[in-house]
Amino acid sequence: MSKKLSRITNYFDGFHLYAIVSHLKDYSLCFHINNKLGFDLVNYEDLVFDLSGDPNQGFSWYYYKDYKTHTHFYLIGNKSEGNILLPSQKTVDFLLLIKDAIDDNYADETSSAIRKILNISAVFQADMGKIKDMDLLMETIELHELKFVKHK
């Protein structure tokens, strides 16, 4: 009788997702994060992610790669003209996705520094495994990065 080997994989291993609640505009929040953390978040074409099929629905998308730590940072607006990117996160205004952080402490220090910015109401880590359609969003983010960032 043959045995089946299975391996449990975590698709979100190496990623940290932080939810940010703030009444700041996306460009203003980006300015404060860049100043506080020494980042260079750059605004790219809006991220289009809509499961209902509306191609005109875009969410603000900022990207920065730290070449010293090889860490990628994505600041994504969760709300756009009455639409919500992640409906399960209705109270969240922005999402900060950190990819390939050197360790968990680095990601936590980044979120702690963002908490200290004025007009930030809350920053908390979101459980990516419990968010509906997170895998589709991750795929969309990667394709968006390939299309707009890699071509520059």
N, C-alpha and C. Protein backbone atom coordinates (compact mmCIF):
# COMPACT_ATOMS: atom_id res chain seq x y z
N MET A 1 0.85 -1.17 0.00
CA MET A 1 0.00 0.00 0.00
C MET A 1 0.89 1.23 0.00
N SER A 2 0.64 2.13 -0.89
CA SER A 2 1.47 3.33 -0.99
C SER A 2 0.97 4.39 -0.01
N LYS A 3 1.91 5.15 0.44
CA LYS A 3 1.58 6.24 1.36
C LYS A 3 1.58 7.55 0.60
N LYS A 4 0.68 8.41 0.99
CA LYS A 4 0.64 9.74 0.40
C LYS A 4 1.39 10.69 1.31
N LEU A 5 2.28 11.40 0.71
CA LEU A 5 3.00 12.43 1.45
C LEU A 5 2.36 13.77 1.14
N SER A 6 2.13 14.52 2.14
CA SER A 6 1.56 15.85 1.92
C SER A 6 2.37 16.86 2.72
N ARG A 7 2.41 18.00 2.19
CA ARG A 7 3.14 19.08 2.86
C ARG A 7 2.21 20.27 2.99
N ILE A 8 2.09 20.75 4.17
CA ILE A 8 1.26 21.92 4.40
C ILE A 8 2.10 23.14 4.08
N THR A 9 1.62 23.93 3.13
CA THR A 9 2.36 25.13 2.75
C THR A 9 1.55 26.36 3.12
N ASN A 10 2.25 27.35 3.53
CA ASN A 10 1.62 28.62 3.83
C ASN A 10 1.92 29.56 2.67
N TYR A 11 0.91 29.87 1.90
CA TYR A 11 1.11 30.71 0.72
C TYR A 11 1.58 32.12 1.08
N PHE A 12 1.34 32.51 2.30
CA PHE A 12 1.67 33.87 2.70
C PHE A 12 2.94 33.93 3.53
N ASP A 13 3.73 32.87 3.50
CA ASP A 13 4.99 32.85 4.23
C ASP A 13 5.93 33.89 3.60
N GLY A 14 6.53 34.72 4.43
CA GLY A 14 7.41 35.77 3.94
C GLY A 14 6.70 37.10 3.73
N PHE A 15 5.39 37.13 3.98
CA PHE A 15 4.61 38.35 3.82
C PHE A 15 4.07 38.79 5.18
N HIS A 16 3.98 40.09 5.35
CA HIS A 16 3.34 40.68 6.53
C HIS A 16 2.35 41.71 6.01
N LEU A 17 1.14 41.67 6.51
CA LEU A 17 0.12 42.62 6.09
C LEU A 17 -0.32 43.43 7.30
N TYR A 18 -0.19 44.75 7.17
CA TYR A 18 -0.61 45.65 8.24
C TYR A 18 -1.75 46.52 7.72
N ALA A 19 -2.77 46.63 8.52
CA ALA A 19 -3.92 47.47 8.20
C ALA A 19 -3.72 48.82 8.88
N ILE A 20 -3.95 49.90 8.13
CA ILE A 20 -3.75 51.25 8.65
C ILE A 20 -5.08 51.99 8.60
N VAL A 21 -5.44 52.59 9.72
CA VAL A 21 -6.64 53.41 9.80
C VAL A 21 -6.20 54.86 9.96
N SER A 22 -6.56 55.68 8.98
CA SER A 22 -6.17 57.09 9.00
C SER A 22 -7.08 57.86 8.06
N HIS A 23 -7.31 59.12 8.40
CA HIS A 23 -8.13 59.95 7.52
C HIS A 23 -7.26 60.72 6.51
N LEU A 24 -5.95 60.48 6.52
CA LEU A 24 -5.05 61.15 5.57
C LEU A 24 -5.30 60.65 4.15
N LYS A 25 -5.02 61.50 3.19
CA LYS A 25 -5.04 61.10 1.79
C LYS A 25 -3.84 60.20 1.53
N ASP A 26 -3.91 59.40 0.49
CA ASP A 26 -2.84 58.45 0.21
C ASP A 26 -1.49 59.12 0.01
N TYR A 27 -1.45 60.22 -0.73
CA TYR A 27 -0.17 60.90 -0.98
C TYR A 27 0.39 61.52 0.29
N SER A 28 -0.46 61.97 1.17
CA SER A 28 -0.01 62.56 2.43
C SER A 28 0.54 61.48 3.37
N LEU A 29 -0.15 60.37 3.45
CA LEU A 29 0.33 59.25 4.26
C LEU A 29 1.67 58.76 3.72
N CYS A 30 1.79 58.66 2.43
CA CYS A 30 3.03 58.22 1.80
C CYS A 30 4.17 59.18 2.13
N PHE A 31 3.90 60.47 2.08
CA PHE A 31 4.90 61.49 2.41
C PHE A 31 5.40 61.31 3.85
N HIS A 32 4.47 61.11 4.78
CA HIS A 32 4.85 60.94 6.18
C HIS A 32 5.63 59.64 6.41
N ILE A 33 5.23 58.57 5.75
CA ILE A 33 5.96 57.30 5.89
C ILE A 33 7.37 57.45 5.32
N ASN A 34 7.48 58.08 4.17
CA ASN A 34 8.80 58.29 3.57
C ASN A 34 9.71 59.09 4.48
N ASN A 35 9.18 60.15 5.09
CA ASN A 35 9.98 60.98 5.99
C ASN A 35 10.34 60.26 7.27
N LYS A 36 9.39 59.55 7.85
CA LYS A 36 9.61 58.89 9.14
C LYS A 36 10.57 57.71 9.03
N LEU A 37 10.44 56.94 7.95
CA LEU A 37 11.19 55.69 7.83
C LEU A 37 12.34 55.76 6.82
N GLY A 38 12.47 56.88 6.12
CA GLY A 38 13.52 56.97 5.12
C GLY A 38 13.24 56.14 3.88
N PHE A 39 11.97 55.89 3.61
CA PHE A 39 11.57 55.12 2.44
C PHE A 39 11.50 56.03 1.22
N ASP A 40 11.27 55.41 0.09
CA ASP A 40 11.04 56.14 -1.15
C ASP A 40 9.85 55.51 -1.86
N LEU A 41 8.70 55.47 -1.16
CA LEU A 41 7.49 54.95 -1.76
C LEU A 41 7.11 55.82 -2.95
N VAL A 42 6.88 55.18 -4.09
CA VAL A 42 6.57 55.89 -5.32
C VAL A 42 5.19 55.46 -5.79
N ASN A 43 4.40 56.42 -6.25
CA ASN A 43 3.05 56.14 -6.74
C ASN A 43 3.14 55.61 -8.16
N TYR A 44 2.49 54.49 -8.37
CA TYR A 44 2.39 53.89 -9.70
C TYR A 44 0.93 53.87 -10.11
N GLU A 45 0.68 53.34 -11.28
CA GLU A 45 -0.68 53.20 -11.78
C GLU A 45 -1.55 52.50 -10.73
N ASP A 46 -2.81 52.92 -10.63
CA ASP A 46 -3.72 52.32 -9.65
C ASP A 46 -3.85 50.82 -9.87
N LEU A 47 -4.00 50.11 -8.77
CA LEU A 47 -4.20 48.67 -8.78
C LEU A 47 -5.66 48.39 -9.09
N VAL A 48 -5.91 47.61 -10.12
CA VAL A 48 -7.28 47.25 -10.48
C VAL A 48 -7.54 45.85 -9.96
N PHE A 49 -8.45 45.77 -9.01
CA PHE A 49 -8.83 44.48 -8.41
C PHE A 49 -10.31 44.54 -8.11
N ASP A 50 -11.08 43.91 -8.96
CA ASP A 50 -12.53 43.91 -8.75
C ASP A 50 -13.08 42.58 -9.22
N LEU A 51 -13.66 41.87 -8.30
CA LEU A 51 -14.22 40.57 -8.65
C LEU A 51 -15.56 40.69 -9.35
N SER A 52 -16.17 41.88 -9.32
CA SER A 52 -17.46 42.05 -9.98
C SER A 52 -17.30 42.41 -11.45
N GLY A 53 -16.06 42.69 -11.89
CA GLY A 53 -15.81 42.90 -13.31
C GLY A 53 -15.74 44.35 -13.75
N ASP A 54 -15.69 45.32 -12.85
CA ASP A 54 -15.58 46.72 -13.23
C ASP A 54 -14.12 47.09 -13.45
N PRO A 55 -13.67 47.25 -14.69
CA PRO A 55 -12.26 47.53 -14.95
C PRO A 55 -11.83 48.95 -14.60
N ASN A 56 -12.79 49.82 -14.32
CA ASN A 56 -12.46 51.22 -14.01
C ASN A 56 -12.20 51.45 -12.52
N GLN A 57 -12.35 50.42 -11.71
CA GLN A 57 -12.19 50.56 -10.28
C GLN A 57 -10.72 50.37 -9.92
N GLY A 58 -10.06 51.45 -9.52
CA GLY A 58 -8.65 51.38 -9.18
C GLY A 58 -8.39 51.83 -7.75
N PHE A 59 -7.37 51.26 -7.14
CA PHE A 59 -6.98 51.59 -5.78
C PHE A 59 -5.54 52.08 -5.80
N SER A 60 -5.26 53.15 -5.06
CA SER A 60 -3.92 53.73 -5.07
C SER A 60 -2.89 52.68 -4.68
N TRP A 61 -1.73 52.75 -5.33
CA TRP A 61 -0.71 51.73 -5.17
C TRP A 61 0.67 52.39 -5.16
N TYR A 62 1.38 52.21 -4.06
CA TYR A 62 2.74 52.75 -3.90
C TYR A 62 3.70 51.60 -3.67
N TYR A 63 4.91 51.76 -4.18
CA TYR A 63 5.89 50.67 -4.09
C TYR A 63 7.26 51.22 -3.71
N TYR A 64 7.98 50.44 -2.90
CA TYR A 64 9.36 50.77 -2.55
C TYR A 64 10.13 49.48 -2.29
N LYS A 65 11.33 49.40 -2.82
CA LYS A 65 12.20 48.26 -2.53
C LYS A 65 13.42 48.77 -1.79
N ASP A 66 13.67 48.19 -0.62
CA ASP A 66 14.86 48.51 0.16
C ASP A 66 15.96 47.57 -0.32
N TYR A 67 16.94 48.11 -1.02
CA TYR A 67 17.99 47.29 -1.60
C TYR A 67 18.99 46.77 -0.58
N LYS A 68 19.03 47.38 0.60
CA LYS A 68 19.93 46.88 1.65
C LYS A 68 19.40 45.58 2.24
N THR A 69 18.10 45.53 2.48
CA THR A 69 17.50 44.34 3.10
C THR A 69 16.75 43.48 2.09
N HIS A 70 16.62 43.95 0.85
CA HIS A 70 15.89 43.25 -0.21
C HIS A 70 14.43 43.03 0.18
N THR A 71 13.87 44.02 0.84
CA THR A 71 12.49 43.96 1.29
C THR A 71 11.63 44.85 0.39
N HIS A 72 10.47 44.35 0.02
CA HIS A 72 9.52 45.10 -0.82
C HIS A 72 8.40 45.63 0.07
N PHE A 73 8.00 46.87 -0.19
CA PHE A 73 6.90 47.49 0.56
C PHE A 73 5.84 47.96 -0.43
N TYR A 74 4.60 47.62 -0.14
CA TYR A 74 3.47 48.03 -0.97
C TYR A 74 2.48 48.76 -0.07
N LEU A 75 2.15 49.98 -0.41
CA LEU A 75 1.10 50.72 0.30
C LEU A 75 -0.08 50.80 -0.65
N ILE A 76 -1.19 50.22 -0.23
CA ILE A 76 -2.35 50.09 -1.11
C ILE A 76 -3.56 50.71 -0.42
N GLY A 77 -4.27 51.55 -1.16
CA GLY A 77 -5.51 52.11 -0.63
C GLY A 77 -6.59 51.05 -0.57
N ASN A 78 -7.32 50.99 0.52
CA ASN A 78 -8.39 50.01 0.65
C ASN A 78 -9.73 50.58 0.20
N LYS A 79 -9.80 51.90 0.05
CA LYS A 79 -11.05 52.53 -0.35
C LYS A 79 -10.80 53.44 -1.55
N SER A 80 -11.77 53.41 -2.48
CA SER A 80 -11.66 54.25 -3.66
C SER A 80 -13.05 54.55 -4.19
N GLU A 81 -13.45 55.79 -4.09
CA GLU A 81 -14.74 56.25 -4.62
C GLU A 81 -15.90 55.35 -4.21
N GLY A 82 -15.97 55.05 -2.93
CA GLY A 82 -17.07 54.26 -2.41
C GLY A 82 -16.86 52.76 -2.52
N ASN A 83 -15.82 52.33 -3.19
CA ASN A 83 -15.53 50.90 -3.32
C ASN A 83 -14.50 50.49 -2.28
N ILE A 84 -14.54 49.23 -1.88
CA ILE A 84 -13.61 48.71 -0.89
C ILE A 84 -12.85 47.53 -1.49
N LEU A 85 -11.53 47.59 -1.40
CA LEU A 85 -10.69 46.53 -1.94
C LEU A 85 -10.93 45.21 -1.22
N LEU A 86 -10.86 45.25 0.10
CA LEU A 86 -11.13 44.06 0.93
C LEU A 86 -12.38 44.32 1.75
N PRO A 87 -13.54 43.85 1.30
CA PRO A 87 -14.79 44.12 2.00
C PRO A 87 -14.80 43.65 3.45
N SER A 88 -14.02 42.64 3.78
CA SER A 88 -13.98 42.17 5.17
C SER A 88 -13.23 43.13 6.08
N GLN A 89 -12.52 44.09 5.49
CA GLN A 89 -11.74 45.07 6.25
C GLN A 89 -12.31 46.48 6.00
N LYS A 90 -13.59 46.67 6.26
CA LYS A 90 -14.28 47.92 5.94
C LYS A 90 -13.74 49.13 6.69
N THR A 91 -13.24 48.94 7.89
CA THR A 91 -12.76 50.07 8.69
C THR A 91 -11.33 50.47 8.33
N VAL A 92 -10.67 49.68 7.53
CA VAL A 92 -9.27 49.92 7.18
C VAL A 92 -9.20 50.85 5.97
N ASP A 93 -8.31 51.85 6.06
CA ASP A 93 -8.14 52.79 4.96
C ASP A 93 -7.00 52.41 4.02
N PHE A 94 -5.93 51.84 4.57
CA PHE A 94 -4.76 51.48 3.77
C PHE A 94 -4.22 50.13 4.22
N LEU A 95 -3.54 49.48 3.31
CA LEU A 95 -2.87 48.22 3.60
C LEU A 95 -1.38 48.40 3.31
N LEU A 96 -0.56 47.96 4.24
CA LEU A 96 0.88 47.96 4.03
C LEU A 96 1.32 46.50 3.97
N LEU A 97 1.73 46.09 2.78
CA LEU A 97 2.19 44.72 2.58
C LEU A 97 3.71 44.74 2.53
N ILE A 98 4.32 43.92 3.37
CA ILE A 98 5.78 43.83 3.43
C ILE A 98 6.16 42.44 2.95
N LYS A 99 7.00 42.39 1.93
CA LYS A 99 7.42 41.12 1.33
C LYS A 99 8.91 40.92 1.57
N ASP A 100 9.27 39.73 2.00
CA ASP A 100 10.68 39.34 2.21
C ASP A 100 11.37 40.16 3.29
N ALA A 101 10.67 40.42 4.38
CA ALA A 101 11.30 41.13 5.50
C ALA A 101 12.40 40.24 6.08
N ILE A 102 13.49 40.86 6.53
CA ILE A 102 14.61 40.07 7.02
C ILE A 102 14.22 39.25 8.25
N ASP A 103 13.30 39.75 9.05
CA ASP A 103 12.74 38.98 10.15
C ASP A 103 11.46 39.66 10.63
N ASP A 104 10.75 38.98 11.53
CA ASP A 104 9.48 39.52 12.03
C ASP A 104 9.68 40.82 12.79
N ASN A 105 10.81 40.96 13.47
CA ASN A 105 11.07 42.18 14.24
C ASN A 105 11.17 43.40 13.32
N TYR A 106 11.77 43.23 12.15
CA TYR A 106 11.90 44.33 11.20
C TYR A 106 10.53 44.83 10.77
N ALA A 107 9.62 43.91 10.46
CA ALA A 107 8.27 44.28 10.06
C ALA A 107 7.53 44.94 11.21
N ASP A 108 7.71 44.43 12.43
CA ASP A 108 7.04 45.01 13.59
C ASP A 108 7.58 46.41 13.92
N GLU A 109 8.88 46.61 13.75
CA GLU A 109 9.48 47.93 13.98
C GLU A 109 8.95 48.93 12.97
N THR A 110 8.77 48.49 11.74
CA THR A 110 8.22 49.36 10.70
C THR A 110 6.80 49.79 11.07
N SER A 111 5.98 48.85 11.50
CA SER A 111 4.60 49.20 11.87
C SER A 111 4.57 50.09 13.12
N SER A 112 5.48 49.86 14.05
CA SER A 112 5.54 50.71 15.26
C SER A 112 5.90 52.14 14.90
N ALA A 113 6.81 52.31 13.95
CA ALA A 113 7.19 53.66 13.52
C ALA A 113 6.02 54.35 12.83
N ILE A 114 5.25 53.61 12.06
CA ILE A 114 4.08 54.19 11.37
C ILE A 114 3.03 54.60 12.39
N ARG A 115 2.88 53.84 13.46
CA ARG A 115 1.92 54.18 14.53
C ARG A 115 2.19 55.55 15.12
N LYS A 116 3.45 55.97 15.12
CA LYS A 116 3.83 57.23 15.74
C LYS A 116 3.58 58.45 14.86
N ILE A 117 3.17 58.23 13.62
CA ILE A 117 2.86 59.34 12.71
C ILE A 117 1.55 59.97 13.14
N LEU A 118 1.53 61.30 13.17
CA LEU A 118 0.29 62.00 13.51
C LEU A 118 -0.82 61.65 12.52
N ASN A 119 -2.03 61.64 12.99
CA ASN A 119 -3.22 61.35 12.21
C ASN A 119 -3.34 59.89 11.79
N ILE A 120 -2.56 59.02 12.40
CA ILE A 120 -2.74 57.58 12.22
C ILE A 120 -3.53 57.10 13.43
N SER A 121 -4.71 56.60 13.19
CA SER A 121 -5.56 56.14 14.30
C SER A 121 -5.16 54.77 14.79
N ALA A 122 -4.81 53.87 13.86
CA ALA A 122 -4.45 52.51 14.26
C ALA A 122 -3.62 51.84 13.18
N VAL A 123 -2.74 50.96 13.62
CA VAL A 123 -1.98 50.08 12.74
C VAL A 123 -1.99 48.71 13.41
N PHE A 124 -2.49 47.72 12.71
CA PHE A 124 -2.51 46.38 13.29
C PHE A 124 -2.24 45.34 12.21
N GLN A 125 -1.70 44.21 12.65
CA GLN A 125 -1.39 43.15 11.71
C GLN A 125 -2.66 42.38 11.36
N ALA A 126 -2.86 42.17 10.09
CA ALA A 126 -4.03 41.43 9.62
C ALA A 126 -3.62 39.99 9.32
N ASP A 127 -4.49 39.05 9.61
CA ASP A 127 -4.24 37.65 9.33
C ASP A 127 -4.60 37.37 7.88
N MET A 128 -3.59 37.19 7.06
CA MET A 128 -3.82 37.03 5.62
C MET A 128 -4.57 35.74 5.30
N GLY A 129 -4.44 34.75 6.13
CA GLY A 129 -5.12 33.49 5.89
C GLY A 129 -6.62 33.56 6.09
N LYS A 130 -7.09 34.56 6.81
CA LYS A 130 -8.52 34.68 7.10
C LYS A 130 -9.23 35.69 6.20
N ILE A 131 -8.49 36.34 5.32
CA ILE A 131 -9.10 37.33 4.43
C ILE A 131 -9.52 36.65 3.14
N LYS A 132 -10.78 36.82 2.81
CA LYS A 132 -11.32 36.20 1.60
C LYS A 132 -10.65 36.81 0.36
N ASP A 133 -10.32 35.98 -0.59
CA ASP A 133 -9.71 36.36 -1.86
C ASP A 133 -8.33 36.99 -1.71
N MET A 134 -7.65 36.71 -0.60
CA MET A 134 -6.31 37.26 -0.41
C MET A 134 -5.33 36.68 -1.42
N ASP A 135 -5.50 35.42 -1.77
CA ASP A 135 -4.61 34.82 -2.74
C ASP A 135 -4.74 35.49 -4.11
N LEU A 136 -5.97 35.83 -4.50
CA LEU A 136 -6.17 36.55 -5.76
C LEU A 136 -5.58 37.95 -5.72
N LEU A 137 -5.70 38.60 -4.58
CA LEU A 137 -5.13 39.94 -4.43
C LEU A 137 -3.61 39.87 -4.52
N MET A 138 -3.00 38.88 -3.90
CA MET A 138 -1.54 38.73 -3.96
C MET A 138 -1.07 38.52 -5.39
N GLU A 139 -1.80 37.71 -6.13
CA GLU A 139 -1.47 37.47 -7.54
C GLU A 139 -1.59 38.75 -8.35
N THR A 140 -2.64 39.51 -8.09
CA THR A 140 -2.85 40.78 -8.79
C THR A 140 -1.73 41.77 -8.48
N ILE A 141 -1.29 41.81 -7.23
CA ILE A 141 -0.21 42.70 -6.83
C ILE A 141 1.08 42.32 -7.54
N GLU A 142 1.38 41.03 -7.60
CA GLU A 142 2.60 40.59 -8.26
C GLU A 142 2.57 40.91 -9.76
N LEU A 143 1.44 40.69 -10.40
CA LEU A 143 1.32 41.02 -11.82
C LEU A 143 1.43 42.53 -12.05
N HIS A 144 0.84 43.30 -11.15
CA HIS A 144 0.90 44.75 -11.24
C HIS A 144 2.36 45.23 -11.11
N GLU A 145 3.08 44.63 -10.19
CA GLU A 145 4.49 44.98 -10.01
C GLU A 145 5.29 44.64 -11.26
N LEU A 146 5.06 43.47 -11.82
CA LEU A 146 5.78 43.08 -13.04
C LEU A 146 5.49 44.04 -14.19
N LYS A 147 4.25 44.45 -14.29
CA LYS A 147 3.84 45.31 -15.40
C LYS A 147 4.39 46.73 -15.28
N PHE A 148 4.36 47.30 -14.09
CA PHE A 148 4.70 48.71 -13.97
C PHE A 148 6.07 48.99 -13.36
N VAL A 149 6.51 48.20 -12.42
CA VAL A 149 7.77 48.48 -11.74
C VAL A 149 8.96 47.92 -12.52
N LYS A 150 8.85 46.71 -12.97
CA LYS A 150 9.96 46.05 -13.65
C LYS A 150 10.27 46.69 -15.00
N HIS A 151 9.31 47.36 -15.60
CA HIS A 151 9.54 47.99 -16.90
C HIS A 151 10.23 49.34 -16.80
N LYS A 152 10.29 49.90 -15.60
CA LYS A 152 10.93 51.22 -15.45
C LYS A 152 12.41 51.12 -15.49
